[in-house]
Amino acid sequence: MSKFVLTGYELDSKKSEAKAKIVDALGSSVSISGDTIEVKYNSDATKVAEILNQVGVEYSGG
């Protein structure tokens, strides 16, 4: 399981956009709690990283 923690000071709307895109892309294989995103499968971690980078949200982990 991979964990991403959103670390930047972006607007909440930007973080919400990223979270929504991640849920749309991965569905039930992702769990989001606050600024923490956990994915069940390592293969999905790449997709999460791509989305976060695309939207421009800083993160740690992965």
N, C-alpha and C. Protein backbone atom coordinates (compact mmCIF):
# COMPACT_ATOMS: atom_id res chain seq x y z
N MET A 1 0.84 -1.18 0.00
CA MET A 1 0.00 0.00 0.00
C MET A 1 0.89 1.24 0.00
N SER A 2 0.55 2.19 -0.83
CA SER A 2 1.32 3.43 -0.92
C SER A 2 0.51 4.57 -0.31
N LYS A 3 1.23 5.50 0.31
CA LYS A 3 0.58 6.63 0.95
C LYS A 3 1.18 7.93 0.43
N PHE A 4 0.31 8.86 0.08
CA PHE A 4 0.70 10.20 -0.34
C PHE A 4 0.14 11.19 0.68
N VAL A 5 0.95 12.16 1.07
CA VAL A 5 0.48 13.22 1.97
C VAL A 5 0.64 14.54 1.23
N LEU A 6 -0.46 15.26 1.08
CA LEU A 6 -0.43 16.55 0.40
C LEU A 6 0.24 17.56 1.32
N THR A 7 1.35 18.13 0.87
CA THR A 7 2.17 18.96 1.75
C THR A 7 2.18 20.43 1.39
N GLY A 8 1.69 20.78 0.23
CA GLY A 8 1.78 22.16 -0.22
C GLY A 8 0.74 23.06 0.43
N TYR A 9 0.87 24.32 0.13
CA TYR A 9 -0.07 25.31 0.67
C TYR A 9 -1.05 25.76 -0.41
N GLU A 10 -1.38 24.85 -1.32
CA GLU A 10 -2.31 25.16 -2.38
C GLU A 10 -3.70 25.43 -1.80
N LEU A 11 -4.52 26.06 -2.59
CA LEU A 11 -5.90 26.29 -2.19
C LEU A 11 -6.61 24.96 -2.00
N ASP A 12 -7.55 24.92 -1.06
CA ASP A 12 -8.31 23.69 -0.85
C ASP A 12 -9.04 23.27 -2.11
N SER A 13 -9.45 24.24 -2.92
CA SER A 13 -10.15 23.89 -4.16
C SER A 13 -9.25 23.10 -5.10
N LYS A 14 -7.97 23.44 -5.11
CA LYS A 14 -7.02 22.72 -5.96
C LYS A 14 -6.81 21.30 -5.43
N LYS A 15 -6.70 21.17 -4.11
CA LYS A 15 -6.56 19.84 -3.52
C LYS A 15 -7.82 19.01 -3.77
N SER A 16 -8.99 19.65 -3.65
CA SER A 16 -10.25 18.95 -3.88
C SER A 16 -10.35 18.47 -5.32
N GLU A 17 -9.90 19.29 -6.25
CA GLU A 17 -9.90 18.90 -7.67
C GLU A 17 -9.05 17.66 -7.87
N ALA A 18 -7.86 17.65 -7.27
CA ALA A 18 -6.95 16.51 -7.39
C ALA A 18 -7.59 15.26 -6.79
N LYS A 19 -8.18 15.39 -5.61
CA LYS A 19 -8.81 14.25 -4.95
C LYS A 19 -9.95 13.69 -5.79
N ALA A 20 -10.75 14.58 -6.36
CA ALA A 20 -11.88 14.13 -7.19
C ALA A 20 -11.38 13.37 -8.41
N LYS A 21 -10.33 13.87 -9.05
CA LYS A 21 -9.78 13.18 -10.23
C LYS A 21 -9.23 11.81 -9.84
N ILE A 22 -8.60 11.73 -8.68
CA ILE A 22 -8.04 10.45 -8.21
C ILE A 22 -9.15 9.45 -7.96
N VAL A 23 -10.22 9.88 -7.30
CA VAL A 23 -11.34 8.98 -7.03
C VAL A 23 -12.00 8.54 -8.33
N ASP A 24 -12.16 9.48 -9.27
CA ASP A 24 -12.75 9.12 -10.57
C ASP A 24 -11.90 8.08 -11.29
N ALA A 25 -10.59 8.22 -11.19
CA ALA A 25 -9.68 7.32 -11.91
C ALA A 25 -9.55 5.96 -11.24
N LEU A 26 -9.55 5.93 -9.91
CA LEU A 26 -9.23 4.68 -9.21
C LEU A 26 -10.38 4.07 -8.41
N GLY A 27 -11.42 4.83 -8.16
CA GLY A 27 -12.58 4.29 -7.46
C GLY A 27 -12.27 3.76 -6.08
N SER A 28 -12.69 2.53 -5.82
CA SER A 28 -12.60 1.97 -4.47
C SER A 28 -11.20 1.51 -4.08
N SER A 29 -10.24 1.57 -5.00
CA SER A 29 -8.89 1.14 -4.64
C SER A 29 -8.08 2.27 -4.01
N VAL A 30 -8.74 3.42 -3.76
CA VAL A 30 -8.08 4.54 -3.12
C VAL A 30 -8.88 4.97 -1.91
N SER A 31 -8.17 5.40 -0.86
CA SER A 31 -8.80 5.88 0.36
C SER A 31 -8.23 7.27 0.66
N ILE A 32 -9.12 8.24 0.86
CA ILE A 32 -8.68 9.61 1.13
C ILE A 32 -9.22 10.06 2.48
N SER A 33 -8.31 10.54 3.32
CA SER A 33 -8.68 11.07 4.62
C SER A 33 -7.92 12.38 4.83
N GLY A 34 -8.63 13.48 4.79
CA GLY A 34 -7.97 14.78 4.91
C GLY A 34 -6.99 14.97 3.78
N ASP A 35 -5.72 15.20 4.11
CA ASP A 35 -4.68 15.40 3.10
C ASP A 35 -3.86 14.14 2.87
N THR A 36 -4.37 12.99 3.32
CA THR A 36 -3.67 11.72 3.14
C THR A 36 -4.42 10.86 2.13
N ILE A 37 -3.70 10.37 1.15
CA ILE A 37 -4.28 9.52 0.11
C ILE A 37 -3.55 8.18 0.16
N GLU A 38 -4.31 7.09 0.34
CA GLU A 38 -3.71 5.76 0.35
C GLU A 38 -4.26 4.95 -0.81
N VAL A 39 -3.37 4.27 -1.50
CA VAL A 39 -3.78 3.38 -2.59
C VAL A 39 -3.42 1.95 -2.21
N LYS A 40 -4.31 1.02 -2.57
CA LYS A 40 -4.11 -0.39 -2.20
C LYS A 40 -3.02 -1.04 -3.03
N TYR A 41 -2.90 -0.65 -4.29
CA TYR A 41 -1.98 -1.33 -5.20
C TYR A 41 -0.88 -0.39 -5.66
N ASN A 42 0.34 -0.88 -5.64
CA ASN A 42 1.47 -0.05 -6.06
C ASN A 42 1.33 0.43 -7.50
N SER A 43 0.67 -0.35 -8.32
CA SER A 43 0.49 0.05 -9.71
C SER A 43 -0.37 1.31 -9.82
N ASP A 44 -1.23 1.54 -8.84
CA ASP A 44 -2.07 2.74 -8.85
C ASP A 44 -1.31 3.98 -8.37
N ALA A 45 -0.21 3.78 -7.65
CA ALA A 45 0.55 4.91 -7.12
C ALA A 45 1.06 5.81 -8.23
N THR A 46 1.43 5.22 -9.34
CA THR A 46 1.91 6.01 -10.48
C THR A 46 0.81 6.93 -11.00
N LYS A 47 -0.40 6.43 -11.06
CA LYS A 47 -1.53 7.22 -11.55
C LYS A 47 -1.81 8.39 -10.59
N VAL A 48 -1.75 8.12 -9.29
CA VAL A 48 -1.98 9.18 -8.29
C VAL A 48 -0.92 10.27 -8.45
N ALA A 49 0.34 9.87 -8.58
CA ALA A 49 1.42 10.83 -8.75
C ALA A 49 1.22 11.67 -10.01
N GLU A 50 0.79 11.03 -11.09
CA GLU A 50 0.54 11.75 -12.35
C GLU A 50 -0.54 12.81 -12.16
N ILE A 51 -1.62 12.44 -11.49
CA ILE A 51 -2.73 13.37 -11.29
C ILE A 51 -2.30 14.53 -10.40
N LEU A 52 -1.59 14.25 -9.31
CA LEU A 52 -1.13 15.31 -8.42
C LEU A 52 -0.20 16.28 -9.15
N ASN A 53 0.68 15.74 -9.96
CA ASN A 53 1.59 16.59 -10.73
C ASN A 53 0.84 17.40 -11.78
N GLN A 54 -0.14 16.78 -12.39
CA GLN A 54 -0.93 17.44 -13.43
C GLN A 54 -1.69 18.64 -12.85
N VAL A 55 -2.29 18.45 -11.68
CA VAL A 55 -3.06 19.52 -11.05
C VAL A 55 -2.14 20.55 -10.38
N GLY A 56 -0.93 20.10 -10.01
CA GLY A 56 0.03 21.01 -9.40
C GLY A 56 -0.04 21.05 -7.89
N VAL A 57 -0.27 19.89 -7.28
CA VAL A 57 -0.35 19.79 -5.83
C VAL A 57 0.92 19.10 -5.32
N GLU A 58 1.59 19.73 -4.36
CA GLU A 58 2.80 19.14 -3.80
C GLU A 58 2.43 18.01 -2.84
N TYR A 59 3.30 17.00 -2.79
CA TYR A 59 3.04 15.85 -1.92
C TYR A 59 4.34 15.21 -1.50
N SER A 60 4.25 14.39 -0.45
CA SER A 60 5.38 13.55 -0.05
C SER A 60 4.90 12.11 -0.05
N GLY A 61 5.82 11.20 -0.07
CA GLY A 61 5.47 9.78 -0.08
C GLY A 61 5.27 9.28 -1.49
N GLY A 62 4.53 8.19 -1.57
CA GLY A 62 4.26 7.62 -2.90
C GLY A 62 4.73 6.27 -3.02
